[in-house]
């Protein structure tokens, strides 16, 4: 089994919460941590898809860029602003 959660991709900056705090994300590991520990909504279709894509990337089945795109879709679903 191939596990590589540190694989980088072009950074995405998310504006989290009403305070406007930002988070710069550029690896599969950072996305998985954000989704599982700090995500405001855990029941959206795009959220579930992003978690699934993270797992697939950790196993080496999809490239890190797929995780980046899934994160962007999940953020839009959750009403989180995305700065690219």
Protein backbone atom coordinates (compact mmCIF):
# COMPACT_ATOMS: atom_id res chain seq x y z
CA UNK A 1 0.00 0.00 0.00
CA UNK A 2 1.35 3.38 -1.04
CA UNK A 3 0.78 6.20 1.47
CA UNK A 4 1.94 9.65 0.62
CA UNK A 5 -0.13 12.33 2.31
CA UNK A 6 2.50 15.03 1.98
CA UNK A 7 2.28 15.26 -1.82
CA UNK A 8 1.94 18.96 -2.63
CA UNK A 9 -0.35 20.71 -5.08
CA UNK A 10 -0.85 24.40 -5.96
CA UNK A 11 -1.95 26.14 -2.78
CA UNK A 12 -5.55 27.06 -2.06
CA UNK A 13 -6.39 29.68 0.57
CA UNK A 14 -9.73 29.32 2.34
CA UNK A 15 -11.48 32.03 4.33
CA UNK A 16 -12.75 30.14 7.36
CA UNK A 17 -15.55 31.36 9.59
CA UNK A 18 -17.11 34.73 10.18
CA UNK A 19 -13.87 36.16 11.57
CA UNK A 20 -12.30 35.93 8.12
CA UNK A 21 -9.33 33.86 9.25
CA UNK A 22 -7.53 32.18 6.37
CA UNK A 23 -5.95 28.76 5.92
CA UNK A 24 -3.44 28.02 3.20
CA UNK A 25 -3.69 24.39 2.10
CA UNK A 26 -1.28 22.67 -0.29
CA UNK A 27 -1.09 18.95 0.56
CA UNK A 28 -3.29 15.90 0.87
CA UNK A 29 -2.38 15.69 4.56
CA UNK A 30 -3.52 19.26 5.20
CA UNK A 31 -6.81 18.68 3.37
CA UNK A 32 -7.56 15.50 5.31
CA UNK A 33 -6.81 17.20 8.63
CA UNK A 34 -8.97 20.19 7.72
CA UNK A 35 -11.92 18.07 6.57
CA UNK A 36 -11.86 15.68 9.51
CA UNK A 37 -11.09 18.10 12.34
CA UNK A 38 -12.09 21.62 11.37
CA UNK A 39 -14.79 21.47 8.69
CA UNK A 40 -17.99 23.32 9.58
CA UNK A 41 -20.40 20.96 7.75
CA UNK A 42 -20.09 17.18 7.74
CA UNK A 43 -23.11 16.08 5.76
CA UNK A 44 -22.72 17.56 2.28
CA UNK A 45 -22.22 15.43 -0.83
CA UNK A 46 -19.07 17.32 -1.82
CA UNK A 47 -17.68 16.98 1.71
CA UNK A 48 -18.10 13.20 1.60
CA UNK A 49 -16.61 13.09 -1.89
CA UNK A 50 -13.59 15.12 -0.73
CA UNK A 51 -12.95 12.77 2.20
CA UNK A 52 -13.15 9.81 -0.20
CA UNK A 53 -10.73 11.43 -2.67
CA UNK A 54 -8.29 12.13 0.18
CA UNK A 55 -8.27 8.45 1.07
CA UNK A 56 -7.77 7.47 -2.57
CA UNK A 57 -4.85 9.91 -2.85
CA UNK A 58 -3.25 8.50 0.31
CA UNK A 59 -3.41 5.09 -1.32
CA UNK A 60 -1.84 6.44 -4.49
CA UNK A 61 -4.95 5.87 -6.62
CA UNK A 62 -5.52 9.52 -7.59
CA UNK A 63 -3.17 12.49 -7.99
CA UNK A 64 -3.01 15.25 -5.36
CA UNK A 65 -4.59 17.69 -7.81
CA UNK A 66 -7.83 15.66 -7.54
CA UNK A 67 -7.82 16.37 -3.80
CA UNK A 68 -7.35 20.08 -4.47
CA UNK A 69 -10.36 20.15 -6.82
CA UNK A 70 -12.49 18.15 -4.36
CA UNK A 71 -11.56 20.59 -1.57
CA UNK A 72 -12.63 23.55 -3.69
CA UNK A 73 -16.00 21.93 -4.46
CA UNK A 74 -16.55 21.07 -0.78
CA UNK A 75 -15.63 24.61 0.28
CA UNK A 76 -18.12 26.12 -2.16
CA UNK A 77 -20.78 23.72 -0.89
CA UNK A 78 -20.07 24.80 2.71
CA UNK A 79 -20.10 28.51 1.86
CA UNK A 80 -16.36 28.91 2.44
CA UNK A 81 -14.65 31.49 0.25
CA UNK A 82 -11.80 30.19 -1.88
CA UNK A 83 -8.81 32.30 -2.96
CA UNK A 84 -6.63 30.65 -5.60
